[in-house]
């Protein structure tokens, strides 16, 4: 079976929303390694145990949500793409969901003990 591939041409875009969305996504790209999470430790230390628990569980839920969105949500949306540009935009979003899920692990590592992290997950 032969598969034909076609290179994506960003100079010939059917829907200008795809280009605008791509540009906005790439402008807002960030990595958790570029943010000094230790700057938040003083505020963290002032919070109560109940607040620590709540923040941990909220971030745990957000990690799960980002994981599901990157693994299943985007795959579902990709089934309806009409153009290569739409698919590229969804690929970008899929990657960012994985980046977001990883960022929560960096937060956990900064604020929680390994046992607390295991309990959250």
PDB file of N, CA and C in Angstrom:
ATOM      1  N   UNK A   1       0.846  -1.182   0.000  1.00  0.00           N
ATOM      2  CA  UNK A   1       0.000   0.000   0.000  1.00  0.00           C
ATOM      3  C   UNK A   1       0.888   1.242   0.000  1.00  0.00           C
ATOM      4  N   UNK A   2       0.646   2.131  -0.904  1.00  0.00           N
ATOM      5  CA  UNK A   2       1.405   3.369  -1.015  1.00  0.00           C
ATOM      6  C   UNK A   2       0.605   4.502  -0.402  1.00  0.00           C
ATOM      7  N   UNK A   3       1.286   5.278   0.434  1.00  0.00           N
ATOM      8  CA  UNK A   3       0.649   6.432   1.061  1.00  0.00           C
ATOM      9  C   UNK A   3       1.225   7.684   0.423  1.00  0.00           C
ATOM     10  N   UNK A   4       0.377   8.566  -0.010  1.00  0.00           N
ATOM     11  CA  UNK A   4       0.816   9.829  -0.594  1.00  0.00           C
ATOM     12  C   UNK A   4       0.762  10.916   0.473  1.00  0.00           C
ATOM     13  N   UNK A   5       1.849  11.633   0.614  1.00  0.00           N
ATOM     14  CA  UNK A   5       1.902  12.739   1.559  1.00  0.00           C
ATOM     15  C   UNK A   5       1.955  14.043   0.802  1.00  0.00           C
ATOM     16  N   UNK A   6       1.392  15.053   1.399  1.00  0.00           N
ATOM     17  CA  UNK A   6       1.410  16.380   0.797  1.00  0.00           C
ATOM     18  C   UNK A   6       1.933  17.358   1.843  1.00  0.00           C
ATOM     19  N   UNK A   7       2.944  18.108   1.470  1.00  0.00           N
ATOM     20  CA  UNK A   7       3.509  19.097   2.394  1.00  0.00           C
ATOM     21  C   UNK A   7       2.488  20.191   2.675  1.00  0.00           C
ATOM     22  N   UNK A   8       2.472  20.656   3.908  1.00  0.00           N
ATOM     23  CA  UNK A   8       1.542  21.725   4.282  1.00  0.00           C
ATOM     24  C   UNK A   8       2.096  23.062   3.796  1.00  0.00           C
ATOM     25  N   UNK A   9       1.268  23.813   3.118  1.00  0.00           N
ATOM     26  CA  UNK A   9       1.677  25.095   2.554  1.00  0.00           C
ATOM     27  C   UNK A   9       0.988  26.218   3.323  1.00  0.00           C
ATOM     28  N   UNK A  10       1.737  26.865   4.195  1.00  0.00           N
ATOM     29  CA  UNK A  10       1.179  27.963   4.990  1.00  0.00           C
ATOM     30  C   UNK A  10       1.035  29.248   4.172  1.00  0.00           C
ATOM     31  N   UNK A  11       1.458  29.223   2.927  1.00  0.00           N
ATOM     32  CA  UNK A  11       1.272  30.387   2.045  1.00  0.00           C
ATOM     33  C   UNK A  11      -0.034  30.305   1.271  1.00  0.00           C
ATOM     34  N   UNK A  12      -0.710  29.178   1.375  1.00  0.00           N
ATOM     35  CA  UNK A  12      -1.991  28.992   0.690  1.00  0.00           C
ATOM     36  C   UNK A  12      -2.989  28.470   1.719  1.00  0.00           C
ATOM     37  N   UNK A  13      -3.582  29.391   2.450  1.00  0.00           N
ATOM     38  CA  UNK A  13      -4.480  29.019   3.548  1.00  0.00           C
ATOM     39  C   UNK A  13      -5.922  29.282   3.144  1.00  0.00           C
ATOM     40  N   UNK A  14      -6.739  28.257   3.300  1.00  0.00           N
ATOM     41  CA  UNK A  14      -8.152  28.349   2.951  1.00  0.00           C
ATOM     42  C   UNK A  14      -8.921  29.193   3.978  1.00  0.00           C
ATOM     43  N   UNK A  15      -8.608  29.003   5.242  1.00  0.00           N
ATOM     44  CA  UNK A  15      -9.335  29.679   6.316  1.00  0.00           C
ATOM     45  C   UNK A  15      -8.353  30.504   7.134  1.00  0.00           C
ATOM     46  N   UNK A  16      -8.494  31.819   7.107  1.00  0.00           N
ATOM     47  CA  UNK A  16      -7.575  32.727   7.804  1.00  0.00           C
ATOM     48  C   UNK A  16      -7.603  32.522   9.320  1.00  0.00           C
ATOM     49  N   UNK A  17      -8.674  31.922   9.830  1.00  0.00           N
ATOM     50  CA  UNK A  17      -8.748  31.640  11.264  1.00  0.00           C
ATOM     51  C   UNK A  17      -7.674  30.635  11.663  1.00  0.00           C
ATOM     52  N   UNK A  18      -7.374  29.697  10.792  1.00  0.00           N
ATOM     53  CA  UNK A  18      -6.322  28.723  11.083  1.00  0.00           C
ATOM     54  C   UNK A  18      -4.983  29.418  11.287  1.00  0.00           C
ATOM     55  N   UNK A  19      -4.664  30.347  10.395  1.00  0.00           N
ATOM     56  CA  UNK A  19      -3.391  31.076  10.513  1.00  0.00           C
ATOM     57  C   UNK A  19      -3.382  31.929  11.771  1.00  0.00           C
ATOM     58  N   UNK A  20      -4.453  32.642  12.042  1.00  0.00           N
ATOM     59  CA  UNK A  20      -4.523  33.500  13.224  1.00  0.00           C
ATOM     60  C   UNK A  20      -4.421  32.674  14.503  1.00  0.00           C
ATOM     61  N   UNK A  21      -5.079  31.526  14.514  1.00  0.00           N
ATOM     62  CA  UNK A  21      -5.024  30.650  15.689  1.00  0.00           C
ATOM     63  C   UNK A  21      -3.615  30.122  15.886  1.00  0.00           C
ATOM     64  N   UNK A  22      -2.974  29.675  14.815  1.00  0.00           N
ATOM     65  CA  UNK A  22      -1.594  29.181  14.892  1.00  0.00           C
ATOM     66  C   UNK A  22      -0.677  30.260  15.467  1.00  0.00           C
ATOM     67  N   UNK A  23      -0.812  31.470  14.943  1.00  0.00           N
ATOM     68  CA  UNK A  23       0.052  32.565  15.398  1.00  0.00           C
ATOM     69  C   UNK A  23      -0.180  32.881  16.878  1.00  0.00           C
ATOM     70  N   UNK A  24      -1.415  32.890  17.309  1.00  0.00           N
ATOM     71  CA  UNK A  24      -1.713  33.166  18.712  1.00  0.00           C
ATOM     72  C   UNK A  24      -1.152  32.060  19.603  1.00  0.00           C
ATOM     73  N   UNK A  25      -1.312  30.819  19.186  1.00  0.00           N
ATOM     74  CA  UNK A  25      -0.798  29.695  19.969  1.00  0.00           C
ATOM     75  C   UNK A  25       0.722  29.765  20.106  1.00  0.00           C
ATOM     76  N   UNK A  26       1.413  30.049  19.013  1.00  0.00           N
ATOM     77  CA  UNK A  26       2.871  30.080  19.073  1.00  0.00           C
ATOM     78  C   UNK A  26       3.387  31.310  19.813  1.00  0.00           C
ATOM     79  N   UNK A  27       2.650  32.418  19.776  1.00  0.00           N
ATOM     80  CA  UNK A  27       3.027  33.609  20.555  1.00  0.00           C
ATOM     81  C   UNK A  27       2.952  33.338  22.044  1.00  0.00           C
ATOM     82  N   UNK A  28       2.010  32.507  22.447  1.00  0.00           N
ATOM     83  CA  UNK A  28       1.776  32.255  23.869  1.00  0.00           C
ATOM     84  C   UNK A  28       2.495  31.009  24.381  1.00  0.00           C
ATOM     85  N   UNK A  29       3.367  30.435  23.565  1.00  0.00           N
ATOM     86  CA  UNK A  29       4.079  29.228  23.961  1.00  0.00           C
ATOM     87  C   UNK A  29       4.978  29.503  25.164  1.00  0.00           C
ATOM     88  N   UNK A  30       4.964  28.591  26.109  1.00  0.00           N
ATOM     89  CA  UNK A  30       5.822  28.705  27.293  1.00  0.00           C
ATOM     90  C   UNK A  30       6.169  27.311  27.799  1.00  0.00           C
ATOM     91  N   UNK A  31       7.224  27.250  28.584  1.00  0.00           N
ATOM     92  CA  UNK A  31       7.637  26.010  29.224  1.00  0.00           C
ATOM     93  C   UNK A  31       7.766  26.240  30.724  1.00  0.00           C
ATOM     94  N   UNK A  32       7.420  25.236  31.484  1.00  0.00           N
ATOM     95  CA  UNK A  32       7.488  25.346  32.940  1.00  0.00           C
ATOM     96  C   UNK A  32       8.911  25.564  33.433  1.00  0.00           C
ATOM     97  N   UNK A  33       9.892  25.168  32.663  1.00  0.00           N
ATOM     98  CA  UNK A  33      11.287  25.332  33.082  1.00  0.00           C
ATOM     99  C   UNK A  33      11.744  26.783  33.018  1.00  0.00           C
ATOM    100  N   UNK A  34      10.962  27.636  32.417  1.00  0.00           N
ATOM    101  CA  UNK A  34      11.318  29.057  32.306  1.00  0.00           C
ATOM    102  C   UNK A  34      10.721  29.910  33.424  1.00  0.00           C
ATOM    103  N   UNK A  35       9.949  29.288  34.293  1.00  0.00           N
ATOM    104  CA  UNK A  35       9.285  30.020  35.368  1.00  0.00           C
ATOM    105  C   UNK A  35       9.887  29.581  36.695  1.00  0.00           C
ATOM    106  N   UNK A  36      10.439  30.508  37.469  1.00  0.00           N
ATOM    107  CA  UNK A  36      11.028  30.130  38.758  1.00  0.00           C
ATOM    108  C   UNK A  36       9.944  29.861  39.812  1.00  0.00           C
ATOM    109  N   UNK A  37       9.531  28.607  39.900  1.00  0.00           N
ATOM    110  CA  UNK A  37       8.461  28.239  40.824  1.00  0.00           C
ATOM    111  C   UNK A  37       8.842  28.471  42.281  1.00  0.00           C
ATOM    112  N   UNK A  38      10.117  28.438  42.570  1.00  0.00           N
ATOM    113  CA  UNK A  38      10.559  28.646  43.954  1.00  0.00           C
ATOM    114  C   UNK A  38      10.191  30.042  44.457  1.00  0.00           C
ATOM    115  N   UNK A  39       9.892  30.978  43.554  1.00  0.00           N
ATOM    116  CA  UNK A  39       9.463  32.315  43.978  1.00  0.00           C
ATOM    117  C   UNK A  39       8.146  32.277  44.754  1.00  0.00           C
ATOM    118  N   UNK A  40       7.378  31.203  44.597  1.00  0.00           N
ATOM    119  CA  UNK A  40       6.082  31.094  45.255  1.00  0.00           C
ATOM    120  C   UNK A  40       6.154  30.398  46.616  1.00  0.00           C
ATOM    121  N   UNK A  41       7.326  29.941  46.993  1.00  0.00           N
ATOM    122  CA  UNK A  41       7.452  29.177  48.243  1.00  0.00           C
ATOM    123  C   UNK A  41       7.071  29.992  49.475  1.00  0.00           C
ATOM    124  N   UNK A  42       7.407  31.271  49.526  1.00  0.00           N
ATOM    125  CA  UNK A  42       7.042  32.086  50.692  1.00  0.00           C
ATOM    126  C   UNK A  42       5.527  32.145  50.864  1.00  0.00           C
ATOM    127  N   UNK A  43       4.803  32.349  49.755  1.00  0.00           N
ATOM    128  CA  UNK A  43       3.339  32.369  49.837  1.00  0.00           C
ATOM    129  C   UNK A  43       2.805  30.987  50.213  1.00  0.00           C
ATOM    130  N   UNK A  44       3.393  29.936  49.675  1.00  0.00           N
ATOM    131  CA  UNK A  44       2.972  28.568  49.980  1.00  0.00           C
ATOM    132  C   UNK A  44       3.105  28.295  51.477  1.00  0.00           C
ATOM    133  N   UNK A  45       4.184  28.724  52.056  1.00  0.00           N
ATOM    134  CA  UNK A  45       4.433  28.483  53.485  1.00  0.00           C
ATOM    135  C   UNK A  45       3.423  29.207  54.379  1.00  0.00           C
ATOM    136  N   UNK A  46       2.816  30.258  53.885  1.00  0.00           N
ATOM    137  CA  UNK A  46       1.827  31.020  54.654  1.00  0.00           C
ATOM    138  C   UNK A  46       0.436  30.397  54.589  1.00  0.00           C
ATOM    139  N   UNK A  47       0.263  29.448  53.670  1.00  0.00           N
ATOM    140  CA  UNK A  47      -1.048  28.831  53.494  1.00  0.00           C
ATOM    141  C   UNK A  47      -1.260  27.731  54.523  1.00  0.00           C
ATOM    142  N   UNK A  48      -2.518  27.473  54.809  1.00  0.00           N
ATOM    143  CA  UNK A  48      -2.875  26.427  55.769  1.00  0.00           C
ATOM    144  C   UNK A  48      -2.748  25.045  55.134  1.00  0.00           C
ATOM    145  N   UNK A  49      -2.770  24.009  55.968  1.00  0.00           N
ATOM    146  CA  UNK A  49      -2.737  22.635  55.455  1.00  0.00           C
ATOM    147  C   UNK A  49      -3.958  22.352  54.574  1.00  0.00           C
ATOM    148  N   UNK A  50      -5.093  22.903  54.964  1.00  0.00           N
ATOM    149  CA  UNK A  50      -6.309  22.720  54.165  1.00  0.00           C
ATOM    150  C   UNK A  50      -6.131  23.339  52.771  1.00  0.00           C
ATOM    151  N   UNK A  51      -5.526  24.515  52.714  1.00  0.00           N
ATOM    152  CA  UNK A  51      -5.274  25.154  51.424  1.00  0.00           C
ATOM    153  C   UNK A  51      -4.259  24.348  50.605  1.00  0.00           C
ATOM    154  N   UNK A  52      -3.242  23.804  51.262  1.00  0.00           N
ATOM    155  CA  UNK A  52      -2.276  22.944  50.559  1.00  0.00           C
ATOM    156  C   UNK A  52      -2.982  21.742  49.940  1.00  0.00           C
ATOM    157  N   UNK A  53      -3.852  21.134  50.719  1.00  0.00           N
ATOM    158  CA  UNK A  53      -4.602  19.969  50.249  1.00  0.00           C
ATOM    159  C   UNK A  53      -5.444  20.344  49.030  1.00  0.00           C
ATOM    160  N   UNK A  54      -6.172  21.445  49.141  1.00  0.00           N
ATOM    161  CA  UNK A  54      -7.054  21.882  48.061  1.00  0.00           C
ATOM    162  C   UNK A  54      -6.265  22.199  46.795  1.00  0.00           C
ATOM    163  N   UNK A  55      -5.191  22.952  46.925  1.00  0.00           N
ATOM    164  CA  UNK A  55      -4.381  23.305  45.761  1.00  0.00           C
ATOM    165  C   UNK A  55      -3.818  22.045  45.106  1.00  0.00           C
ATOM    166  N   UNK A  56      -3.336  21.110  45.906  1.00  0.00           N
ATOM    167  CA  UNK A  56      -2.799  19.858  45.364  1.00  0.00           C
ATOM    168  C   UNK A  56      -3.831  19.093  44.576  1.00  0.00           C
ATOM    169  N   UNK A  57      -5.048  19.001  45.116  1.00  0.00           N
ATOM    170  CA  UNK A  57      -6.099  18.254  44.423  1.00  0.00           C
ATOM    171  C   UNK A  57      -6.585  18.973  43.167  1.00  0.00           C
ATOM    172  N   UNK A  58      -6.641  20.295  43.228  1.00  0.00           N
ATOM    173  CA  UNK A  58      -7.027  21.051  42.030  1.00  0.00           C
ATOM    174  C   UNK A  58      -5.990  20.846  40.928  1.00  0.00           C
ATOM    175  N   UNK A  59      -4.714  20.971  41.270  1.00  0.00           N
ATOM    176  CA  UNK A  59      -3.665  20.758  40.272  1.00  0.00           C
ATOM    177  C   UNK A  59      -3.646  19.311  39.798  1.00  0.00           C
ATOM    178  N   UNK A  60      -3.945  18.369  40.677  1.00  0.00           N
ATOM    179  CA  UNK A  60      -4.043  16.971  40.266  1.00  0.00           C
ATOM    180  C   UNK A  60      -5.159  16.785  39.243  1.00  0.00           C
ATOM    181  N   UNK A  61      -6.302  17.423  39.488  1.00  0.00           N
ATOM    182  CA  UNK A  61      -7.419  17.354  38.542  1.00  0.00           C
ATOM    183  C   UNK A  61      -7.082  18.013  37.213  1.00  0.00           C
ATOM    184  N   UNK A  62      -6.379  19.141  37.272  1.00  0.00           N
ATOM    185  CA  UNK A  62      -5.982  19.812  36.041  1.00  0.00           C
ATOM    186  C   UNK A  62      -4.973  18.975  35.259  1.00  0.00           C
ATOM    187  N   UNK A  63      -4.096  18.277  35.963  1.00  0.00           N
ATOM    188  CA  UNK A  63      -3.149  17.385  35.292  1.00  0.00           C
ATOM    189  C   UNK A  63      -3.895  16.287  34.554  1.00  0.00           C
ATOM    190  N   UNK A  64      -4.892  15.709  35.217  1.00  0.00           N
ATOM    191  CA  UNK A  64      -5.691  14.666  34.578  1.00  0.00           C
ATOM    192  C   UNK A  64      -6.436  15.229  33.374  1.00  0.00           C
ATOM    193  N   UNK A  65      -7.026  16.405  33.524  1.00  0.00           N
ATOM    194  CA  UNK A  65      -7.757  17.020  32.414  1.00  0.00           C
ATOM    195  C   UNK A  65      -6.841  17.264  31.220  1.00  0.00           C
ATOM    196  N   UNK A  66      -5.666  17.854  31.458  1.00  0.00           N
ATOM    197  CA  UNK A  66      -4.740  18.102  30.352  1.00  0.00           C
ATOM    198  C   UNK A  66      -4.276  16.802  29.712  1.00  0.00           C
ATOM    199  N   UNK A  67      -4.074  15.773  30.533  1.00  0.00           N
ATOM    200  CA  UNK A  67      -3.665  14.473  30.008  1.00  0.00           C
ATOM    201  C   UNK A  67      -4.754  13.895  29.101  1.00  0.00           C
ATOM    202  N   UNK A  68      -5.986  13.918  29.573  1.00  0.00           N
ATOM    203  CA  UNK A  68      -7.097  13.400  28.764  1.00  0.00           C
ATOM    204  C   UNK A  68      -7.285  14.200  27.476  1.00  0.00           C
ATOM    205  N   UNK A  69      -7.150  15.514  27.585  1.00  0.00           N
ATOM    206  CA  UNK A  69      -7.310  16.353  26.391  1.00  0.00           C
ATOM    207  C   UNK A  69      -6.223  16.055  25.364  1.00  0.00           C
ATOM    208  N   UNK A  70      -4.990  15.828  25.834  1.00  0.00           N
ATOM    209  CA  UNK A  70      -3.916  15.559  24.880  1.00  0.00           C
ATOM    210  C   UNK A  70      -4.014  14.151  24.305  1.00  0.00           C
ATOM    211  N   UNK A  71      -4.478  13.198  25.090  1.00  0.00           N
ATOM    212  CA  UNK A  71      -4.510  11.815  24.613  1.00  0.00           C
ATOM    213  C   UNK A  71      -5.775  11.478  23.835  1.00  0.00           C
ATOM    214  N   UNK A  72      -6.915  11.918  24.308  1.00  0.00           N
ATOM    215  CA  UNK A  72      -8.175  11.520  23.691  1.00  0.00           C
ATOM    216  C   UNK A  72      -8.938  12.677  23.049  1.00  0.00           C
ATOM    217  N   UNK A  73      -8.945  13.814  23.699  1.00  0.00           N
ATOM    218  CA  UNK A  73      -9.735  14.938  23.206  1.00  0.00           C
ATOM    219  C   UNK A  73      -9.304  15.416  21.836  1.00  0.00           C
ATOM    220  N   UNK A  74      -8.003  15.612  21.690  1.00  0.00           N
ATOM    221  CA  UNK A  74      -7.506  16.089  20.398  1.00  0.00           C
ATOM    222  C   UNK A  74      -7.690  15.037  19.315  1.00  0.00           C
ATOM    223  N   UNK A  75      -7.507  13.763  19.654  1.00  0.00           N
ATOM    224  CA  UNK A  75      -7.713  12.700  18.658  1.00  0.00           C
ATOM    225  C   UNK A  75      -9.149  12.731  18.153  1.00  0.00           C
ATOM    226  N   UNK A  76     -10.077  12.998  19.033  1.00  0.00           N
ATOM    227  CA  UNK A  76     -11.481  13.073  18.646  1.00  0.00           C
ATOM    228  C   UNK A  76     -11.734  14.276  17.725  1.00  0.00           C
ATOM    229  N   UNK A  77     -11.162  15.422  18.090  1.00  0.00           N
ATOM    230  CA  UNK A  77     -11.349  16.619  17.270  1.00  0.00           C
ATOM    231  C   UNK A  77     -10.682  16.483  15.907  1.00  0.00           C
ATOM    232  N   UNK A  78      -9.537  15.810  15.863  1.00  0.00           N
ATOM    233  CA  UNK A  78      -8.803  15.666  14.604  1.00  0.00           C
ATOM    234  C   UNK A  78      -9.601  14.909  13.546  1.00  0.00           C
ATOM    235  N   UNK A  79     -10.541  14.104  13.960  1.00  0.00           N
ATOM    236  CA  UNK A  79     -11.351  13.337  13.003  1.00  0.00           C
ATOM    237  C   UNK A  79     -12.208  14.244  12.125  1.00  0.00           C
ATOM    238  N   UNK A  80     -12.418  15.478  12.574  1.00  0.00           N
ATOM    239  CA  UNK A  80     -13.294  16.398  11.842  1.00  0.00           C
ATOM    240  C   UNK A  80     -12.543  17.484  11.082  1.00  0.00           C
ATOM    241  N   UNK A  81     -11.219  17.408  11.026  1.00  0.00           N
ATOM    242  CA  UNK A  81     -10.488  18.467  10.336  1.00  0.00           C
ATOM    243  C   UNK A  81     -10.751  18.417   8.838  1.00  0.00           C
ATOM    244  N   UNK A  82     -10.773  19.602   8.254  1.00  0.00           N
ATOM    245  CA  UNK A  82     -10.994  19.707   6.808  1.00  0.00           C
ATOM    246  C   UNK A  82      -9.702  19.985   6.056  1.00  0.00           C
ATOM    247  N   UNK A  83      -8.746  20.630   6.729  1.00  0.00           N
ATOM    248  CA  UNK A  83      -7.518  21.045   6.037  1.00  0.00           C
ATOM    249  C   UNK A  83      -6.297  20.650   6.860  1.00  0.00           C
ATOM    250  N   UNK A  84      -5.155  20.651   6.190  1.00  0.00           N
ATOM    251  CA  UNK A  84      -3.895  20.389   6.887  1.00  0.00           C
ATOM    252  C   UNK A  84      -3.621  21.462   7.935  1.00  0.00           C
ATOM    253  N   UNK A  85      -4.066  22.667   7.657  1.00  0.00           N
ATOM    254  CA  UNK A  85      -3.836  23.768   8.602  1.00  0.00           C
ATOM    255  C   UNK A  85      -4.605  23.541   9.897  1.00  0.00           C
ATOM    256  N   UNK A  86      -5.849  23.100   9.774  1.00  0.00           N
ATOM    257  CA  UNK A  86      -6.639  22.783  10.971  1.00  0.00           C
ATOM    258  C   UNK A  86      -5.958  21.682  11.772  1.00  0.00           C
ATOM    259  N   UNK A  87      -5.469  20.664  11.081  1.00  0.00           N
ATOM    260  CA  UNK A  87      -4.786  19.571  11.762  1.00  0.00           C
ATOM    261  C   UNK A  87      -3.528  20.078  12.463  1.00  0.00           C
ATOM    262  N   UNK A  88      -2.788  20.956  11.827  1.00  0.00           N
ATOM    263  CA  UNK A  88      -1.581  21.518  12.438  1.00  0.00           C
ATOM    264  C   UNK A  88      -1.919  22.303  13.700  1.00  0.00           C
ATOM    265  N   UNK A  89      -2.993  23.076  13.651  1.00  0.00           N
ATOM    266  CA  UNK A  89      -3.423  23.833  14.833  1.00  0.00           C
ATOM    267  C   UNK A  89      -3.767  22.870  15.972  1.00  0.00           C
ATOM    268  N   UNK A  90      -4.501  21.815  15.679  1.00  0.00           N
ATOM    269  CA  UNK A  90      -4.857  20.845  16.718  1.00  0.00           C
ATOM    270  C   UNK A  90      -3.628  20.098  17.231  1.00  0.00           C
ATOM    271  N   UNK A  91      -2.667  19.820  16.352  1.00  0.00           N
ATOM    272  CA  UNK A  91      -1.415  19.214  16.810  1.00  0.00           C
ATOM    273  C   UNK A  91      -0.695  20.122  17.802  1.00  0.00           C
ATOM    274  N   UNK A  92      -0.712  21.413  17.519  1.00  0.00           N
ATOM    275  CA  UNK A  92      -0.098  22.387  18.413  1.00  0.00           C
ATOM    276  C   UNK A  92      -0.799  22.373  19.769  1.00  0.00           C
ATOM    277  N   UNK A  93      -2.106  22.386  19.758  1.00  0.00           N
ATOM    278  CA  UNK A  93      -2.880  22.372  21.003  1.00  0.00           C
ATOM    279  C   UNK A  93      -2.630  21.076  21.769  1.00  0.00           C
ATOM    280  N   UNK A  94      -2.570  19.974  21.045  1.00  0.00           N
ATOM    281  CA  UNK A  94      -2.306  18.676  21.678  1.00  0.00           C
ATOM    282  C   UNK A  94      -0.963  18.697  22.415  1.00  0.00           C
ATOM    283  N   UNK A  95       0.052  19.238  21.770  1.00  0.00           N
ATOM    284  CA  UNK A  95       1.359  19.357  22.390  1.00  0.00           C
ATOM    285  C   UNK A  95       1.300  20.245  23.634  1.00  0.00           C
ATOM    286  N   UNK A  96       0.606  21.368  23.508  1.00  0.00           N
ATOM    287  CA  UNK A  96       0.523  22.288  24.652  1.00  0.00           C
ATOM    288  C   UNK A  96      -0.208  21.651  25.841  1.00  0.00           C
ATOM    289  N   UNK A  97      -1.189  20.825  25.592  1.00  0.00           N
ATOM    290  CA  UNK A  97      -1.861  20.130  26.696  1.00  0.00           C
ATOM    291  C   UNK A  97      -0.861  19.246  27.439  1.00  0.00           C
ATOM    292  N   UNK A  98       0.035  18.596  26.701  1.00  0.00           N
ATOM    293  CA  UNK A  98       1.065  17.777  27.334  1.00  0.00           C
ATOM    294  C   UNK A  98       2.051  18.643  28.106  1.00  0.00           C
ATOM    295  N   UNK A  99       2.396  19.797  27.557  1.00  0.00           N
ATOM    296  CA  UNK A  99       3.284  20.735  28.261  1.00  0.00           C
ATOM    297  C   UNK A  99       2.627  21.191  29.559  1.00  0.00           C
ATOM    298  N   UNK A 100       1.347  21.489  29.508  1.00  0.00           N
ATOM    299  CA  UNK A 100       0.630  21.928  30.711  1.00  0.00           C
ATOM    300  C   UNK A 100       0.607  20.825  31.765  1.00  0.00           C
ATOM    301  N   UNK A 101       0.337  19.600  31.338  1.00  0.00           N
ATOM    302  CA  UNK A 101       0.319  18.483  32.290  1.00  0.00           C
ATOM    303  C   UNK A 101       1.681  18.340  32.958  1.00  0.00           C
ATOM    304  N   UNK A 102       2.747  18.487  32.198  1.00  0.00           N
ATOM    305  CA  UNK A 102       4.094  18.406  32.771  1.00  0.00           C
ATOM    306  C   UNK A 102       4.344  19.560  33.737  1.00  0.00           C
ATOM    307  N   UNK A 103       3.819  20.731  33.436  1.00  0.00           N
ATOM    308  CA  UNK A 103       4.067  21.896  34.298  1.00  0.00           C
ATOM    309  C   UNK A 103       3.531  21.662  35.706  1.00  0.00           C
ATOM    310  N   UNK A 104       2.423  20.952  35.822  1.00  0.00           N
ATOM    311  CA  UNK A 104       1.895  20.659  37.151  1.00  0.00           C
ATOM    312  C   UNK A 104       2.855  19.761  37.928  1.00  0.00           C
ATOM    313  N   UNK A 105       3.535  18.857  37.237  1.00  0.00           N
ATOM    314  CA  UNK A 105       4.515  18.022  37.918  1.00  0.00           C
ATOM    315  C   UNK A 105       5.649  18.864  38.478  1.00  0.00           C
ATOM    316  N   UNK A 106       6.034  19.902  37.762  1.00  0.00           N
ATOM    317  CA  UNK A 106       7.065  20.811  38.272  1.00  0.00           C
ATOM    318  C   UNK A 106       6.578  21.548  39.516  1.00  0.00           C
ATOM    319  N   UNK A 107       5.316  21.943  39.497  1.00  0.00           N
ATOM    320  CA  UNK A 107       4.731  22.604  40.676  1.00  0.00           C
ATOM    321  C   UNK A 107       4.707  21.636  41.845  1.00  0.00           C
ATOM    322  N   UNK A 108       4.258  20.404  41.603  1.00  0.00           N
ATOM    323  CA  UNK A 108       4.223  19.402  42.668  1.00  0.00           C
ATOM    324  C   UNK A 108       5.606  19.196  43.263  1.00  0.00           C
ATOM    325  N   UNK A 109       6.600  19.070  42.401  1.00  0.00           N
ATOM    326  CA  UNK A 109       7.956  18.808  42.861  1.00  0.00           C
ATOM    327  C   UNK A 109       8.484  19.949  43.738  1.00  0.00           C
ATOM    328  N   UNK A 110       8.046  21.166  43.438  1.00  0.00           N
ATOM    329  CA  UNK A 110       8.484  22.331  44.204  1.00  0.00           C
ATOM    330  C   UNK A 110       7.764  22.429  45.545  1.00  0.00           C
ATOM    331  N   UNK A 111       6.486  22.074  45.587  1.00  0.00           N
ATOM    332  CA  UNK A 111       5.659  22.326  46.764  1.00  0.00           C
ATOM    333  C   UNK A 111       5.390  21.104  47.637  1.00  0.00           C
ATOM    334  N   UNK A 112       5.557  19.899  47.108  1.00  0.00           N
ATOM    335  CA  UNK A 112       5.138  18.697  47.828  1.00  0.00           C
ATOM    336  C   UNK A 112       6.279  17.695  47.974  1.00  0.00           C
ATOM    337  N   UNK A 113       6.124  16.835  48.945  1.00  0.00           N
ATOM    338  CA  UNK A 113       7.057  15.721  49.119  1.00  0.00           C
ATOM    339  C   UNK A 113       6.688  14.624  48.124  1.00  0.00           C
ATOM    340  N   UNK A 114       7.606  13.700  47.844  1.00  0.00           N
ATOM    341  CA  UNK A 114       7.261  12.585  46.940  1.00  0.00           C
ATOM    342  C   UNK A 114       6.037  11.797  47.415  1.00  0.00           C
ATOM    343  N   UNK A 115       5.890  11.593  48.724  1.00  0.00           N
ATOM    344  CA  UNK A 115       4.723  10.865  49.235  1.00  0.00           C
ATOM    345  C   UNK A 115       3.430  11.644  48.970  1.00  0.00           C
ATOM    346  N   UNK A 116       3.475  12.953  49.152  1.00  0.00           N
ATOM    347  CA  UNK A 116       2.293  13.786  48.886  1.00  0.00           C
ATOM    348  C   UNK A 116       1.933  13.750  47.393  1.00  0.00           C
ATOM    349  N   UNK A 117       2.948  13.769  46.541  1.00  0.00           N
ATOM    350  CA  UNK A 117       2.709  13.708  45.096  1.00  0.00           C
ATOM    351  C   UNK A 117       2.046  12.387  44.729  1.00  0.00           C
ATOM    352  N   UNK A 118       2.549  11.298  45.288  1.00  0.00           N
ATOM    353  CA  UNK A 118       1.950   9.981  45.027  1.00  0.00           C
ATOM    354  C   UNK A 118       0.492   9.955  45.475  1.00  0.00           C
ATOM    355  N   UNK A 119       0.195  10.571  46.603  1.00  0.00           N
ATOM    356  CA  UNK A 119      -1.185  10.588  47.115  1.00  0.00           C
ATOM    357  C   UNK A 119      -2.093  11.399  46.198  1.00  0.00           C
ATOM    358  N   UNK A 120      -1.581  12.517  45.692  1.00  0.00           N
ATOM    359  CA  UNK A 120      -2.369  13.368  44.790  1.00  0.00           C
ATOM    360  C   UNK A 120      -2.707  12.599  43.515  1.00  0.00           C
ATOM    361  N   UNK A 121      -1.732  11.901  42.960  1.00  0.00           N
ATOM    362  CA  UNK A 121      -1.985  11.154  41.733  1.00  0.00           C
ATOM    363  C   UNK A 121      -2.803   9.914  41.986  1.00  0.00           C
TER     364      UNK A 121
END
